[in-house]
């Protein structure tokens, strides 16, 4: 059996101590694990995604630190949060411990957060300045060629349905991304798909050209195969985790439930690239969604 003092030699390699060889291999693996796999184009829309994060526990801080490390290489301009932003107490000190403190490096770098509410959030926090909700439970904003629509899936009343219907119809942006807390499609065993919401929202999304929908609630990561042309993500493990909770069905394109995670997303003219990353910096899913572009209509002679 080799010992720590044994030397490793391969043809053409110098002799090196086994311990030193293993340390170098571990360092190379660490660097590889923390690589950005996105195009990182200069004029694209770049953002990060977190959900179900506000525990104040060390694992939330670990994810936040990993986000800051990736931001140094991939300068995303904003972060979308998918609800359950704060668990437990929601007073001023809780907002510090569970939000402004863990994400301080990003906030100091000028990264803006745009929150959706979850069932654990205090509705009064729509006025929390760092969440940029403007005092509203649901709202929309545009970054270059991407329109973002934020819903309150905990209280989907008729007024909100009318609002999202009109907002989607009025948008002529190249990309339409919706996000909210409860997933329309999920293989999480604890909650799973919110079919009642799907019945109401999915026809609106399909009819009005929504490209991507992101939600949390289930404390896992999952990406679906396109459902009626729309790709759905669950990213609800930036603080909470239900290890082993995924029960993948035929609709699951990828899933991860072994550790906390977050996402990076980059949107160009016709392609959206995504990368899901674990708490330790390992890429657990990546890919590209292509936006079909209609050919311009030609006048008849």
Protein backbone atom coordinates (compact mmCIF):
# COMPACT_ATOMS: atom_id res chain seq x y z
CA UNK A 1 0.00 0.00 0.00
CA UNK A 2 1.42 3.45 -0.84
CA UNK A 3 1.98 5.89 2.00
CA UNK A 4 1.96 9.67 2.19
CA UNK A 5 5.72 9.65 1.70
CA UNK A 6 5.55 7.55 -1.46
CA UNK A 7 6.31 9.30 -4.73
CA UNK A 8 4.15 9.33 -7.82
CA UNK A 9 5.77 9.08 -11.21
CA UNK A 10 4.20 8.86 -14.64
CA UNK A 11 6.13 8.59 -17.87
CA UNK A 12 7.68 11.95 -18.61
CA UNK A 13 6.66 13.43 -15.21
CA UNK A 14 9.12 14.40 -12.47
CA UNK A 15 8.92 12.59 -9.16
CA UNK A 16 6.67 14.38 -6.67
CA UNK A 17 5.47 13.47 -3.18
CA UNK A 18 2.04 11.88 -3.19
CA UNK A 19 0.66 14.46 -0.76
CA UNK A 20 1.80 17.34 -2.98
CA UNK A 21 0.29 15.63 -6.03
CA UNK A 22 -3.08 15.25 -4.30
CA UNK A 23 -3.04 18.87 -3.13
CA UNK A 24 -2.42 20.10 -6.68
CA UNK A 25 -5.23 17.88 -8.02
CA UNK A 26 -7.64 19.20 -5.37
CA UNK A 27 -6.70 22.80 -6.19
CA UNK A 28 -7.29 22.22 -9.91
CA UNK A 29 -10.65 20.60 -9.18
CA UNK A 30 -11.62 23.58 -7.00
CA UNK A 31 -10.75 26.05 -9.75
CA UNK A 32 -12.64 24.01 -12.32
CA UNK A 33 -15.70 23.74 -10.09
CA UNK A 34 -15.95 27.51 -9.78
CA UNK A 35 -15.76 28.32 -13.48
CA UNK A 36 -18.43 30.40 -15.20
CA UNK A 37 -19.91 28.42 -18.09
CA UNK A 38 -21.95 31.33 -19.50
CA UNK A 39 -20.98 33.43 -22.55
CA UNK A 40 -20.32 36.53 -20.42
CA UNK A 41 -20.96 38.82 -23.37
CA UNK A 42 -20.46 42.56 -22.75
CA UNK A 43 -23.97 43.77 -23.61
CA UNK A 44 -26.12 40.89 -22.32
CA UNK A 45 -28.57 40.94 -19.40
CA UNK A 46 -26.99 39.12 -16.46
CA UNK A 47 -28.76 38.19 -13.24
CA UNK A 48 -28.71 35.68 -10.39
CA UNK A 49 -31.60 33.70 -8.91
CA UNK A 50 -32.21 32.69 -5.29
CA UNK A 51 -35.25 31.39 -3.45
CA UNK A 52 -36.25 30.29 0.04
CA UNK A 53 -33.04 31.71 1.42
CA UNK A 54 -33.76 33.87 4.48
CA UNK A 55 -32.79 31.55 7.33
CA UNK A 56 -29.82 33.46 8.72
CA UNK A 57 -28.02 30.11 8.99
CA UNK A 58 -24.41 29.44 7.94
CA UNK A 59 -25.57 27.68 4.78
CA UNK A 60 -27.31 30.83 3.56
CA UNK A 61 -24.11 32.77 4.17
CA UNK A 62 -22.14 30.12 2.26
CA UNK A 63 -24.38 30.54 -0.79
CA UNK A 64 -24.14 34.33 -0.53
CA UNK A 65 -20.34 34.14 -0.43
CA UNK A 66 -20.32 31.86 -3.45
CA UNK A 67 -22.52 34.34 -5.30
CA UNK A 68 -20.03 37.11 -4.51
CA UNK A 69 -17.17 34.97 -5.82
CA UNK A 70 -18.98 34.36 -9.09
CA UNK A 71 -19.94 38.02 -9.35
CA UNK A 72 -16.24 38.88 -9.53
CA UNK A 73 -16.06 36.85 -12.77
CA UNK A 74 -19.62 37.31 -14.03
CA UNK A 75 -20.83 40.80 -13.13
CA UNK A 76 -24.59 40.24 -12.89
CA UNK A 77 -26.48 43.48 -12.40
CA UNK A 78 -29.36 42.21 -10.31
CA UNK A 79 -30.71 39.27 -8.34
CA UNK A 80 -34.28 37.98 -8.47
CA UNK A 81 -35.64 36.37 -5.31
CA UNK A 82 -38.39 33.78 -5.51
CA UNK A 83 -40.07 34.24 -2.16
CA UNK A 84 -39.65 33.08 1.43
CA UNK A 85 -36.99 35.76 1.58
CA UNK A 86 -37.19 35.82 5.39
CA UNK A 87 -38.14 32.97 7.73
CA UNK A 88 -39.26 33.44 11.33
CA UNK A 89 -39.00 36.91 12.82
CA UNK A 90 -39.23 39.74 10.26
CA UNK A 91 -38.22 42.79 12.26
CA UNK A 92 -35.39 45.21 11.43
CA UNK A 93 -32.70 43.02 13.01
CA UNK A 94 -34.02 39.96 11.19
CA UNK A 95 -33.76 41.80 7.88
CA UNK A 96 -30.13 42.55 8.73
CA UNK A 97 -29.17 39.03 9.79
CA UNK A 98 -31.15 37.25 7.06
CA UNK A 99 -30.68 39.65 4.16
CA UNK A 100 -28.52 42.76 4.23
CA UNK A 101 -25.63 41.13 6.10
CA UNK A 102 -25.20 37.95 4.02
CA UNK A 103 -25.58 39.82 0.74
CA UNK A 104 -23.56 42.88 1.79
CA UNK A 105 -20.70 42.30 -0.70
CA UNK A 106 -23.20 42.23 -3.57
CA UNK A 107 -25.17 45.22 -2.28
CA UNK A 108 -21.93 47.16 -1.84
CA UNK A 109 -21.05 46.34 -5.44
CA UNK A 110 -24.29 47.96 -6.61
CA UNK A 111 -26.23 44.77 -7.32
CA UNK A 112 -29.98 45.34 -6.98
CA UNK A 113 -32.41 42.75 -5.64
CA UNK A 114 -35.97 42.42 -6.98
CA UNK A 115 -38.10 40.29 -4.69
CA UNK A 116 -41.21 38.19 -5.01
CA UNK A 117 -43.15 37.36 -1.85
CA UNK A 118 -43.57 33.84 -0.49
CA UNK A 119 -45.90 32.34 2.08
CA UNK A 120 -43.36 32.93 4.89
CA UNK A 121 -42.86 36.61 4.06
CA UNK A 122 -44.48 39.50 5.90
CA UNK A 123 -46.50 41.40 3.26
CA UNK A 124 -45.45 44.65 4.92
CA UNK A 125 -41.94 44.05 3.61
CA UNK A 126 -43.03 45.12 0.13
CA UNK A 127 -41.77 48.50 1.34
CA UNK A 128 -38.33 47.19 2.35
CA UNK A 129 -36.03 49.39 0.22
CA UNK A 130 -33.47 46.69 -0.60
CA UNK A 131 -36.12 44.51 -2.27
CA UNK A 132 -37.08 47.23 -4.80
CA UNK A 133 -40.76 46.26 -4.84
CA UNK A 134 -42.01 49.84 -4.70
CA UNK A 135 -44.58 48.93 -2.07
CA UNK A 136 -46.38 46.57 -4.48
CA UNK A 137 -47.14 42.83 -4.15
CA UNK A 138 -46.77 42.41 -7.91
CA UNK A 139 -44.95 44.57 -10.43
CA UNK A 140 -42.94 44.56 -13.66
CA UNK A 141 -39.66 46.03 -14.85
CA UNK A 142 -37.53 45.92 -17.98
CA UNK A 143 -33.77 45.46 -18.36
CA UNK A 144 -32.68 46.04 -21.96
CA UNK A 145 -34.49 43.41 -24.05
CA UNK A 146 -35.93 41.46 -21.11
CA UNK A 147 -39.25 42.14 -19.37
CA UNK A 148 -39.61 40.72 -15.86
CA UNK A 149 -43.06 40.13 -14.35
CA UNK A 150 -43.23 39.50 -10.61
CA UNK A 151 -46.36 37.94 -9.09
CA UNK A 152 -47.65 37.29 -5.59
CA UNK A 153 -48.69 33.65 -5.94
CA UNK A 154 -49.80 33.52 -2.32
CA UNK A 155 -52.73 35.85 -3.10
CA UNK A 156 -53.60 35.50 -6.77
CA UNK A 157 -56.80 37.53 -6.72
CA UNK A 158 -58.81 38.67 -9.78
CA UNK A 159 -57.22 42.13 -9.70
CA UNK A 160 -53.76 40.62 -10.02
CA UNK A 161 -54.87 38.30 -12.83
CA UNK A 162 -56.24 41.28 -14.75
CA UNK A 163 -52.98 43.15 -14.17
CA UNK A 164 -50.70 40.36 -15.43
CA UNK A 165 -52.98 39.75 -18.44
CA UNK A 166 -52.75 43.39 -19.48
CA UNK A 167 -49.05 43.72 -18.66
CA UNK A 168 -48.11 40.69 -20.77
CA UNK A 169 -50.25 41.85 -23.69
CA UNK A 170 -48.70 45.32 -23.58
CA UNK A 171 -45.13 44.02 -23.58
CA UNK A 172 -43.30 43.85 -26.90
CA UNK A 173 -39.95 42.96 -25.36
CA UNK A 174 -37.94 40.15 -26.93
CA UNK A 175 -37.86 38.07 -23.74
CA UNK A 176 -40.61 37.69 -21.14
CA UNK A 177 -39.66 36.14 -17.79
CA UNK A 178 -42.17 35.58 -14.99
CA UNK A 179 -41.25 34.71 -11.43
CA UNK A 180 -43.16 34.01 -8.23
CA UNK A 181 -43.06 31.64 -5.28
CA UNK A 182 -45.31 28.64 -5.94
CA UNK A 183 -44.23 26.49 -8.93
CA UNK A 184 -46.66 25.57 -11.67
CA UNK A 185 -44.50 22.51 -12.37
CA UNK A 186 -42.41 20.77 -9.71
CA UNK A 187 -41.35 17.25 -8.82
CA UNK A 188 -40.73 18.18 -5.20
CA UNK A 189 -42.34 15.57 -2.96
CA UNK A 190 -43.20 18.05 -0.21
CA UNK A 191 -45.22 20.49 -2.31
CA UNK A 192 -45.09 19.64 -5.99
CA UNK A 193 -46.94 21.42 -8.78
CA UNK A 194 -49.45 24.14 -7.89
CA UNK A 195 -52.09 22.93 -10.32
CA UNK A 196 -54.69 25.48 -9.21
CA UNK A 197 -52.34 28.30 -10.17
CA UNK A 198 -51.37 26.54 -13.38
CA UNK A 199 -54.98 26.46 -14.54
CA UNK A 200 -55.16 30.25 -14.25
CA UNK A 201 -51.67 31.36 -15.27
CA UNK A 202 -50.42 28.92 -17.87
CA UNK A 203 -52.94 29.93 -20.60
CA UNK A 204 -51.93 33.57 -20.11
CA UNK A 205 -48.23 32.72 -20.34
CA UNK A 206 -48.68 30.61 -23.48
CA UNK A 207 -50.90 33.14 -25.22
CA UNK A 208 -48.57 36.06 -24.53
CA UNK A 209 -45.17 34.60 -25.36
CA UNK A 210 -43.62 34.02 -21.94
CA UNK A 211 -40.28 32.26 -22.40
CA UNK A 212 -39.21 31.26 -18.89
CA UNK A 213 -40.87 30.94 -15.47
CA UNK A 214 -38.96 30.67 -12.18
CA UNK A 215 -40.33 29.71 -8.75
CA UNK A 216 -39.24 28.43 -5.34
CA UNK A 217 -41.30 26.85 -2.52
CA UNK A 218 -39.89 23.34 -3.00
CA UNK A 219 -36.42 23.40 -1.47
CA UNK A 220 -34.69 21.83 -4.45
CA UNK A 221 -33.40 22.77 -7.88
CA UNK A 222 -35.25 21.52 -10.94
CA UNK A 223 -35.53 22.37 -14.63
CA UNK A 224 -38.38 21.01 -16.71
CA UNK A 225 -38.51 20.09 -20.33
CA UNK A 226 -40.48 22.79 -22.16
CA UNK A 227 -44.15 22.70 -21.21
CA UNK A 228 -46.23 24.16 -24.03
CA UNK A 229 -43.10 26.00 -25.15
CA UNK A 230 -42.13 27.39 -21.73
CA UNK A 231 -39.20 26.24 -19.58
CA UNK A 232 -39.92 26.16 -15.84
CA UNK A 233 -37.29 26.32 -13.10
CA UNK A 234 -37.61 25.61 -9.38
CA UNK A 235 -34.79 27.25 -7.43
CA UNK A 236 -35.83 27.11 -3.80
CA UNK A 237 -32.66 25.98 -2.04
CA UNK A 238 -30.56 29.09 -1.43
CA UNK A 239 -31.02 28.74 2.33
CA UNK A 240 -33.43 25.90 3.01
CA UNK A 241 -32.92 22.37 1.68
CA UNK A 242 -34.95 19.18 1.55
CA UNK A 243 -32.30 16.65 0.66
CA UNK A 244 -33.57 13.81 -1.48
CA UNK A 245 -37.01 15.39 -1.89
CA UNK A 246 -37.15 15.26 -5.69
CA UNK A 247 -39.28 12.58 -7.31
CA UNK A 248 -38.32 13.13 -10.95
CA UNK A 249 -41.04 12.54 -13.50
CA UNK A 250 -40.92 12.48 -17.29
CA UNK A 251 -41.03 16.29 -17.38
CA UNK A 252 -37.76 16.69 -15.41
CA UNK A 253 -34.83 17.74 -17.58
CA UNK A 254 -32.48 18.16 -14.58
CA UNK A 255 -32.68 18.25 -10.81
CA UNK A 256 -30.44 18.62 -7.77
CA UNK A 257 -31.35 18.25 -4.09
CA UNK A 258 -28.11 17.30 -2.35
CA UNK A 259 -27.05 20.80 -1.22
CA UNK A 260 -28.08 24.44 -1.35
CA UNK A 261 -27.91 26.14 -4.72
CA UNK A 262 -28.47 29.29 -6.77
CA UNK A 263 -28.57 30.20 -10.45
CA UNK A 264 -26.82 32.52 -12.87
CA UNK A 265 -28.63 33.58 -16.04
CA UNK A 266 -27.49 35.48 -19.12
CA UNK A 267 -29.85 36.72 -21.82
CA UNK A 268 -28.68 37.76 -25.26
CA UNK A 269 -30.61 38.59 -28.38
CA UNK A 270 -32.00 35.11 -29.06
CA UNK A 271 -30.46 32.84 -26.44
CA UNK A 272 -30.79 32.51 -22.68
CA UNK A 273 -27.94 30.67 -20.95
CA UNK A 274 -28.26 29.36 -17.41
CA UNK A 275 -26.01 27.78 -14.83
CA UNK A 276 -27.12 26.21 -11.54
CA UNK A 277 -24.41 26.19 -8.88
CA UNK A 278 -24.17 24.42 -5.53
CA UNK A 279 -23.16 25.92 -2.21
CA UNK A 280 -19.61 24.66 -2.79
CA UNK A 281 -19.35 26.19 -6.26
CA UNK A 282 -19.98 23.06 -8.31
CA UNK A 283 -22.05 23.44 -11.48
CA UNK A 284 -25.02 21.07 -11.21
CA UNK A 285 -26.87 22.08 -14.38
CA UNK A 286 -26.28 24.32 -17.37
CA UNK A 287 -27.69 24.91 -20.79
CA UNK A 288 -29.17 27.32 -23.31
CA UNK A 289 -32.75 28.17 -24.24
CA UNK A 290 -33.23 29.46 -27.77
CA UNK A 291 -35.94 31.98 -28.57
CA UNK A 292 -37.60 31.26 -31.89
CA UNK A 293 -37.63 34.32 -34.10
CA UNK A 294 -40.43 34.78 -36.59
CA UNK A 295 -39.32 35.51 -40.10
CA UNK A 296 -40.44 38.95 -41.29
CA UNK A 297 -43.62 38.88 -43.31
CA UNK A 298 -43.15 39.64 -47.00
CA UNK A 299 -45.58 41.71 -48.97
CA UNK A 300 -47.43 39.85 -51.69
CA UNK A 301 -46.73 41.06 -55.24
